[in-house]
Amino acid sequence: MDKVVVSLGGSIIVPDDRDDVFLNDLANMVDELCDRYQIYLVCGGGRVARYYIRTGRSLGLSEERLDELGIMVTRLNASLVSRALGERAVGKVPHEVLEARRLEHKGKVVVMGGTVPGHTTDAVSAMLAREVRAVRIVNGTSVDAAYTADPRQDPKAKRLSRITHQQLLDLVNVGLHGAGPSHVFDRLGAQIAHDGHIDICIVDGRDMQEMRAAIEGRAIKGTVISD
């Protein structure tokens, strides 16, 4: 049975836009797939996490404490997703990648958030994929693919249908200097996927047809990162 790690951005889980409908659709899709695929869901924090981090920073909290606030939000989102999945979820939100692997059970879905300060949920997704030997990472985001720049800010941004792991690293490295598409994927996660030759699919996380196609390894409208 192929293993697939799905990274869900917090902006996909709770953007306050018919979130209950989305979560029901997600639960139904996962229910139909998890007897054929061992699925892991990693949940981000989104704007709620950013709110706490922004407020905490104005209060003078350290970066480590700010990360801890964000991690709490990711785990709250994971708890919400887990409850939406009902009996299909393992029933516990793990706090570590090794714990997530130990909770693996056929026909059940492991749902988790962040782990430790300094690691984004993109990085956690890649670490988990490496640990469980997943065939791919599906990155459900608020954009429909990877671009050369943020398409919401740069009208000249070019859509990327297929790139290599090295090309992804090049994009992310540009982002480190303030000019690139920092939303594409976390650099540590990209490096782990590069080193482990783990495919990444970047898709619109609220498009259930795209999400399903990516999990199943079929053609997608988004971006495939593979060597």
C-alpha atoms as a PDB file:
ATOM      1  CA  MET A   1       0.000   0.000   0.000  1.00  0.00           C
ATOM      2  CA  ASP A   2       1.478   3.343  -1.061  1.00  0.00           C
ATOM      3  CA  LYS A   3       1.937   5.965   1.633  1.00  0.00           C
ATOM      4  CA  VAL A   4       1.098   9.602   0.924  1.00  0.00           C
ATOM      5  CA  VAL A   5       1.699  12.614   3.155  1.00  0.00           C
ATOM      6  CA  VAL A   6      -0.765  15.467   2.628  1.00  0.00           C
ATOM      7  CA  SER A   7       0.276  18.894   3.870  1.00  0.00           C
ATOM      8  CA  LEU A   8      -2.773  21.114   4.417  1.00  0.00           C
ATOM      9  CA  GLY A   9      -2.136  24.812   4.806  1.00  0.00           C
ATOM     10  CA  GLY A  10      -3.991  26.498   7.629  1.00  0.00           C
ATOM     11  CA  SER A  11      -5.402  28.913   5.067  1.00  0.00           C
ATOM     12  CA  ILE A  12      -7.114  25.906   3.494  1.00  0.00           C
ATOM     13  CA  ILE A  13      -8.515  24.468   6.716  1.00  0.00           C
ATOM     14  CA  VAL A  14      -9.999  27.560   8.353  1.00  0.00           C
ATOM     15  CA  PRO A  15     -10.148  30.604   6.075  1.00  0.00           C
ATOM     16  CA  ASP A  16     -13.682  31.229   7.435  1.00  0.00           C
ATOM     17  CA  ASP A  17     -15.242  30.374   4.068  1.00  0.00           C
ATOM     18  CA  ARG A  18     -17.689  27.463   4.347  1.00  0.00           C
ATOM     19  CA  ASP A  19     -15.050  25.581   6.296  1.00  0.00           C
ATOM     20  CA  ASP A  20     -17.531  22.937   7.440  1.00  0.00           C
ATOM     21  CA  VAL A  21     -18.391  22.104   3.827  1.00  0.00           C
ATOM     22  CA  PHE A  22     -14.714  21.778   2.934  1.00  0.00           C
ATOM     23  CA  LEU A  23     -13.968  19.574   5.942  1.00  0.00           C
ATOM     24  CA  ASN A  24     -16.889  17.292   5.086  1.00  0.00           C
ATOM     25  CA  ASP A  25     -15.709  17.045   1.483  1.00  0.00           C
ATOM     26  CA  LEU A  26     -12.177  16.299   2.647  1.00  0.00           C
ATOM     27  CA  ALA A  27     -13.421  13.629   5.048  1.00  0.00           C
ATOM     28  CA  ASN A  28     -15.490  11.964   2.307  1.00  0.00           C
ATOM     29  CA  MET A  29     -12.555  11.943  -0.114  1.00  0.00           C
ATOM     30  CA  VAL A  30     -10.167  10.512   2.465  1.00  0.00           C
ATOM     31  CA  ASP A  31     -12.738   7.896   3.451  1.00  0.00           C
ATOM     32  CA  GLU A  32     -12.877   6.706  -0.165  1.00  0.00           C
ATOM     33  CA  LEU A  33      -9.093   6.534  -0.521  1.00  0.00           C
ATOM     34  CA  CYS A  34      -7.653   5.326   2.753  1.00  0.00           C
ATOM     35  CA  ASP A  35      -8.314   1.647   2.131  1.00  0.00           C
ATOM     36  CA  ARG A  36      -5.963   1.912  -0.894  1.00  0.00           C
ATOM     37  CA  TYR A  37      -3.484   4.472   0.437  1.00  0.00           C
ATOM     38  CA  GLN A  38      -1.928   4.989   3.852  1.00  0.00           C
ATOM     39  CA  ILE A  39      -2.619   8.699   4.287  1.00  0.00           C
ATOM     40  CA  TYR A  40      -1.008  11.112   6.715  1.00  0.00           C
ATOM     41  CA  LEU A  41      -2.341  14.657   7.107  1.00  0.00           C
ATOM     42  CA  VAL A  42      -0.110  17.474   8.394  1.00  0.00           C
ATOM     43  CA  CYS A  43      -1.988  20.672   9.244  1.00  0.00           C
ATOM     44  CA  GLY A  44      -0.635  24.207   9.134  1.00  0.00           C
ATOM     45  CA  GLY A  45      -1.615  27.192  11.249  1.00  0.00           C
ATOM     46  CA  GLY A  46      -2.639  29.781   8.682  1.00  0.00           C
ATOM     47  CA  ARG A  47      -3.784  33.256   9.560  1.00  0.00           C
ATOM     48  CA  VAL A  48      -4.767  32.276  13.109  1.00  0.00           C
ATOM     49  CA  ALA A  49      -1.175  31.267  13.813  1.00  0.00           C
ATOM     50  CA  ARG A  50       0.066  34.433  12.135  1.00  0.00           C
ATOM     51  CA  TYR A  51      -2.220  36.494  14.364  1.00  0.00           C
ATOM     52  CA  TYR A  52      -0.802  34.947  17.547  1.00  0.00           C
ATOM     53  CA  ILE A  53       2.756  35.264  16.283  1.00  0.00           C
ATOM     54  CA  ARG A  54       2.251  38.887  15.285  1.00  0.00           C
ATOM     55  CA  THR A  55       0.656  39.756  18.620  1.00  0.00           C
ATOM     56  CA  GLY A  56       3.274  37.820  20.572  1.00  0.00           C
ATOM     57  CA  ARG A  57       6.060  39.572  18.713  1.00  0.00           C
ATOM     58  CA  SER A  58       4.572  42.964  19.641  1.00  0.00           C
ATOM     59  CA  LEU A  59       4.682  41.783  23.264  1.00  0.00           C
ATOM     60  CA  GLY A  60       8.383  41.043  22.949  1.00  0.00           C
ATOM     61  CA  LEU A  61       8.247  37.245  22.980  1.00  0.00           C
ATOM     62  CA  SER A  62      11.260  35.309  21.727  1.00  0.00           C
ATOM     63  CA  GLU A  63      11.186  33.587  18.346  1.00  0.00           C
ATOM     64  CA  GLU A  64      11.062  30.218  20.100  1.00  0.00           C
ATOM     65  CA  ARG A  65       7.995  31.260  22.105  1.00  0.00           C
ATOM     66  CA  LEU A  66       6.378  32.606  18.943  1.00  0.00           C
ATOM     67  CA  ASP A  67       6.990  29.285  17.208  1.00  0.00           C
ATOM     68  CA  GLU A  68       5.397  27.503  20.156  1.00  0.00           C
ATOM     69  CA  LEU A  69       2.265  29.620  19.759  1.00  0.00           C
ATOM     70  CA  GLY A  70       2.117  28.719  16.077  1.00  0.00           C
ATOM     71  CA  ILE A  71       2.576  25.031  16.835  1.00  0.00           C
ATOM     72  CA  MET A  72      -0.349  25.126  19.264  1.00  0.00           C
ATOM     73  CA  VAL A  73      -2.568  26.484  16.493  1.00  0.00           C
ATOM     74  CA  THR A  74      -1.451  23.786  14.033  1.00  0.00           C
ATOM     75  CA  ARG A  75      -2.365  21.134  16.582  1.00  0.00           C
ATOM     76  CA  LEU A  76      -5.757  22.760  17.148  1.00  0.00           C
ATOM     77  CA  ASN A  77      -6.353  22.653  13.384  1.00  0.00           C
ATOM     78  CA  ALA A  78      -5.219  19.017  13.355  1.00  0.00           C
ATOM     79  CA  SER A  79      -7.723  18.239  16.109  1.00  0.00           C
ATOM     80  CA  LEU A  80     -10.497  19.831  14.054  1.00  0.00           C
ATOM     81  CA  VAL A  81      -9.552  17.847  10.948  1.00  0.00           C
ATOM     82  CA  SER A  82      -9.259  14.661  12.991  1.00  0.00           C
ATOM     83  CA  ARG A  83     -12.764  15.136  14.349  1.00  0.00           C
ATOM     84  CA  ALA A  84     -14.090  15.797  10.855  1.00  0.00           C
ATOM     85  CA  LEU A  85     -12.637  12.434   9.766  1.00  0.00           C
ATOM     86  CA  GLY A  86     -14.416  10.667  12.610  1.00  0.00           C
ATOM     87  CA  GLU A  87     -13.603   6.964  12.907  1.00  0.00           C
ATOM     88  CA  ARG A  88     -11.137   7.156  10.016  1.00  0.00           C
ATOM     89  CA  ALA A  89      -8.698   9.156  12.169  1.00  0.00           C
ATOM     90  CA  VAL A  90      -6.457   7.366  14.661  1.00  0.00           C
ATOM     91  CA  GLY A  91      -7.944   9.509  17.426  1.00  0.00           C
ATOM     92  CA  LYS A  92      -4.731  11.078  18.708  1.00  0.00           C
ATOM     93  CA  VAL A  93      -2.776  14.027  17.352  1.00  0.00           C
ATOM     94  CA  PRO A  94       0.921  13.068  17.564  1.00  0.00           C
ATOM     95  CA  HIS A  95       3.485  15.694  18.526  1.00  0.00           C
ATOM     96  CA  GLU A  96       6.467  14.011  16.860  1.00  0.00           C
ATOM     97  CA  VAL A  97       7.189  12.343  13.538  1.00  0.00           C
ATOM     98  CA  LEU A  98       8.257   9.068  15.186  1.00  0.00           C
ATOM     99  CA  GLU A  99       5.030   9.031  17.189  1.00  0.00           C
ATOM    100  CA  ALA A 100       3.081   9.554  13.963  1.00  0.00           C
ATOM    101  CA  ARG A 101       4.799   6.550  12.407  1.00  0.00           C
ATOM    102  CA  ARG A 102       4.015   4.404  15.450  1.00  0.00           C
ATOM    103  CA  LEU A 103       0.335   5.355  15.208  1.00  0.00           C
ATOM    104  CA  GLU A 104       0.102   4.107  11.616  1.00  0.00           C
ATOM    105  CA  HIS A 105      -2.787   1.675  11.191  1.00  0.00           C
ATOM    106  CA  LYS A 106      -4.258   0.269   7.990  1.00  0.00           C
ATOM    107  CA  GLY A 107      -7.487   2.006   7.064  1.00  0.00           C
ATOM    108  CA  LYS A 108      -6.842   4.835   9.515  1.00  0.00           C
ATOM    109  CA  VAL A 109      -5.440   8.325   8.974  1.00  0.00           C
ATOM    110  CA  VAL A 110      -2.799   9.966  11.154  1.00  0.00           C
ATOM    111  CA  VAL A 111      -3.433  13.714  11.545  1.00  0.00           C
ATOM    112  CA  MET A 112      -0.818  15.989  13.074  1.00  0.00           C
ATOM    113  CA  GLY A 113       0.356  19.595  13.248  1.00  0.00           C
ATOM    114  CA  GLY A 114       3.754  21.053  14.043  1.00  0.00           C
ATOM    115  CA  THR A 115       6.462  19.473  16.166  1.00  0.00           C
ATOM    116  CA  VAL A 116       9.235  21.726  17.459  1.00  0.00           C
ATOM    117  CA  PRO A 117      10.223  25.399  17.116  1.00  0.00           C
ATOM    118  CA  GLY A 118      12.111  26.126  13.920  1.00  0.00           C
ATOM    119  CA  HIS A 119      10.325  23.500  11.824  1.00  0.00           C
ATOM    120  CA  THR A 120       7.420  24.567   9.621  1.00  0.00           C
ATOM    121  CA  THR A 121       4.674  22.092   8.801  1.00  0.00           C
ATOM    122  CA  ASP A 122       6.145  21.832   5.276  1.00  0.00           C
ATOM    123  CA  ALA A 123       9.351  20.593   6.890  1.00  0.00           C
ATOM    124  CA  VAL A 124       7.390  18.259   9.159  1.00  0.00           C
ATOM    125  CA  SER A 125       5.598  16.846   6.106  1.00  0.00           C
ATOM    126  CA  ALA A 126       8.921  16.123   4.419  1.00  0.00           C
ATOM    127  CA  MET A 127      10.396  14.589   7.587  1.00  0.00           C
ATOM    128  CA  LEU A 128       7.318  12.403   7.963  1.00  0.00           C
ATOM    129  CA  ALA A 129       7.430  11.369   4.303  1.00  0.00           C
ATOM    130  CA  ARG A 130      11.070  10.382   4.721  1.00  0.00           C
ATOM    131  CA  GLU A 131      10.362   8.477   7.932  1.00  0.00           C
ATOM    132  CA  VAL A 132       7.435   6.440   6.580  1.00  0.00           C
ATOM    133  CA  ARG A 133       8.895   6.156   3.053  1.00  0.00           C
ATOM    134  CA  ALA A 134       5.990   7.892   1.404  1.00  0.00           C
ATOM    135  CA  VAL A 135       5.795   7.882  -2.388  1.00  0.00           C
ATOM    136  CA  ARG A 136       4.840  11.561  -2.519  1.00  0.00           C
ATOM    137  CA  ILE A 137       3.919  14.698  -0.618  1.00  0.00           C
ATOM    138  CA  VAL A 138       0.726  16.497  -1.637  1.00  0.00           C
ATOM    139  CA  ASN A 139       0.903  20.159  -0.680  1.00  0.00           C
ATOM    140  CA  GLY A 140      -2.596  21.660  -0.568  1.00  0.00           C
ATOM    141  CA  THR A 141      -2.222  25.439  -0.656  1.00  0.00           C
ATOM    142  CA  SER A 142      -4.209  28.627  -1.261  1.00  0.00           C
ATOM    143  CA  VAL A 143      -2.708  28.921  -4.767  1.00  0.00           C
ATOM    144  CA  ASP A 144      -3.265  26.441  -7.581  1.00  0.00           C
ATOM    145  CA  ALA A 145       0.383  25.715  -8.437  1.00  0.00           C
ATOM    146  CA  ALA A 146       3.936  26.887  -7.933  1.00  0.00           C
ATOM    147  CA  TYR A 147       4.916  30.124  -9.657  1.00  0.00           C
ATOM    148  CA  THR A 148       8.159  31.996 -10.218  1.00  0.00           C
ATOM    149  CA  ALA A 149       6.792  34.686  -7.871  1.00  0.00           C
ATOM    150  CA  ASP A 150       3.649  35.260  -5.840  1.00  0.00           C
ATOM    151  CA  PRO A 151       0.930  35.515  -8.542  1.00  0.00           C
ATOM    152  CA  ARG A 152      -1.223  37.587  -6.203  1.00  0.00           C
ATOM    153  CA  GLN A 153       1.438  40.285  -6.126  1.00  0.00           C
ATOM    154  CA  ASP A 154       3.339  39.909  -9.396  1.00  0.00           C
ATOM    155  CA  PRO A 155       1.288  39.823 -12.634  1.00  0.00           C
ATOM    156  CA  LYS A 156       4.398  38.592 -14.482  1.00  0.00           C
ATOM    157  CA  ALA A 157       4.680  35.457 -12.339  1.00  0.00           C
ATOM    158  CA  LYS A 158       4.974  32.334 -14.482  1.00  0.00           C
ATOM    159  CA  ARG A 159       3.106  29.167 -13.651  1.00  0.00           C
ATOM    160  CA  LEU A 160       5.289  26.075 -13.307  1.00  0.00           C
ATOM    161  CA  SER A 161       3.771  22.745 -14.329  1.00  0.00           C
ATOM    162  CA  ARG A 162       6.781  20.516 -13.651  1.00  0.00           C
ATOM    163  CA  ILE A 163      10.159  21.272 -12.085  1.00  0.00           C
ATOM    164  CA  THR A 164      13.016  19.306 -10.554  1.00  0.00           C
ATOM    165  CA  HIS A 165      13.906  19.254  -6.874  1.00  0.00           C
ATOM    166  CA  GLN A 166      16.939  21.401  -7.642  1.00  0.00           C
ATOM    167  CA  GLN A 167      14.774  23.982  -9.379  1.00  0.00           C
ATOM    168  CA  LEU A 168      12.527  24.075  -6.318  1.00  0.00           C
ATOM    169  CA  LEU A 169      15.554  24.666  -4.110  1.00  0.00           C
ATOM    170  CA  ASP A 170      16.666  27.476  -6.413  1.00  0.00           C
ATOM    171  CA  LEU A 171      13.238  29.119  -6.098  1.00  0.00           C
ATOM    172  CA  VAL A 172      13.227  28.785  -2.329  1.00  0.00           C
ATOM    173  CA  ASN A 173      16.773  30.130  -2.035  1.00  0.00           C
ATOM    174  CA  VAL A 174      15.732  33.233  -3.945  1.00  0.00           C
ATOM    175  CA  GLY A 175      12.879  33.570  -1.477  1.00  0.00           C
ATOM    176  CA  LEU A 176      15.360  33.657   1.393  1.00  0.00           C
ATOM    177  CA  HIS A 177      16.558  37.004   0.083  1.00  0.00           C
ATOM    178  CA  GLY A 178      13.115  38.568   0.111  1.00  0.00           C
ATOM    179  CA  ALA A 179      12.311  38.451  -3.593  1.00  0.00           C
ATOM    180  CA  GLY A 180      11.120  34.932  -4.299  1.00  0.00           C
ATOM    181  CA  PRO A 181       7.980  32.849  -3.774  1.00  0.00           C
ATOM    182  CA  SER A 182       8.459  31.992  -0.109  1.00  0.00           C
ATOM    183  CA  HIS A 183       4.978  30.415  -0.101  1.00  0.00           C
ATOM    184  CA  VAL A 184       5.992  27.622  -2.517  1.00  0.00           C
ATOM    185  CA  PHE A 185       7.550  25.265   0.026  1.00  0.00           C
ATOM    186  CA  ASP A 186       9.768  25.520   3.070  1.00  0.00           C
ATOM    187  CA  ARG A 187      13.492  25.295   2.307  1.00  0.00           C
ATOM    188  CA  LEU A 188      14.247  22.554   4.825  1.00  0.00           C
ATOM    189  CA  GLY A 189      11.317  20.529   3.498  1.00  0.00           C
ATOM    190  CA  ALA A 190      12.510  21.069  -0.072  1.00  0.00           C
ATOM    191  CA  GLN A 191      16.018  19.911   0.873  1.00  0.00           C
ATOM    192  CA  ILE A 192      14.705  16.751   2.547  1.00  0.00           C
ATOM    193  CA  ALA A 193      12.543  15.938  -0.489  1.00  0.00           C
ATOM    194  CA  HIS A 194      15.524  16.613  -2.763  1.00  0.00           C
ATOM    195  CA  ASP A 195      17.837  14.334  -0.807  1.00  0.00           C
ATOM    196  CA  GLY A 196      15.245  11.583  -0.491  1.00  0.00           C
ATOM    197  CA  HIS A 197      13.919  11.881  -4.070  1.00  0.00           C
ATOM    198  CA  ILE A 198      10.383  12.347  -2.739  1.00  0.00           C
ATOM    199  CA  ASP A 199       7.952  13.764  -5.271  1.00  0.00           C
ATOM    200  CA  ILE A 200       5.914  16.838  -4.290  1.00  0.00           C
ATOM    201  CA  CYS A 201       2.591  17.867  -5.833  1.00  0.00           C
ATOM    202  CA  ILE A 202       1.474  21.456  -5.244  1.00  0.00           C
ATOM    203  CA  VAL A 203      -2.250  21.922  -5.777  1.00  0.00           C
ATOM    204  CA  ASP A 204      -5.225  24.032  -4.807  1.00  0.00           C
ATOM    205  CA  GLY A 205      -6.072  22.516  -1.444  1.00  0.00           C
ATOM    206  CA  ARG A 206      -9.780  23.266  -1.757  1.00  0.00           C
ATOM    207  CA  ASP A 207     -10.106  21.577  -5.151  1.00  0.00           C
ATOM    208  CA  MET A 208     -11.079  18.046  -4.192  1.00  0.00           C
ATOM    209  CA  GLN A 209     -10.580  16.697  -7.716  1.00  0.00           C
ATOM    210  CA  GLU A 210      -7.016  18.044  -7.747  1.00  0.00           C
ATOM    211  CA  MET A 211      -6.324  16.753  -4.257  1.00  0.00           C
ATOM    212  CA  ARG A 212      -7.615  13.316  -5.118  1.00  0.00           C
ATOM    213  CA  ALA A 213      -5.675  13.153  -8.388  1.00  0.00           C
ATOM    214  CA  ALA A 214      -2.483  14.147  -6.572  1.00  0.00           C
ATOM    215  CA  ILE A 215      -2.938  11.538  -3.852  1.00  0.00           C
ATOM    216  CA  GLU A 216      -3.543   8.882  -6.503  1.00  0.00           C
ATOM    217  CA  GLY A 217      -0.540   9.987  -8.549  1.00  0.00           C
ATOM    218  CA  ARG A 218      -2.594  11.014 -11.581  1.00  0.00           C
ATOM    219  CA  ALA A 219      -2.156  14.084 -13.794  1.00  0.00           C
ATOM    220  CA  ILE A 220      -2.840  17.389 -12.033  1.00  0.00           C
ATOM    221  CA  LYS A 221      -3.298  21.028 -13.041  1.00  0.00           C
ATOM    222  CA  GLY A 222      -0.867  22.098 -10.321  1.00  0.00           C
ATOM    223  CA  THR A 223       2.888  21.593 -10.079  1.00  0.00           C
ATOM    224  CA  VAL A 224       4.809  18.324  -9.907  1.00  0.00           C
ATOM    225  CA  ILE A 225       8.278  18.425  -8.399  1.00  0.00           C
ATOM    226  CA  SER A 226      10.187  15.306  -9.392  1.00  0.00           C
ATOM    227  CA  ASP A 227      13.513  14.163 -10.793  1.00  0.00           C
END
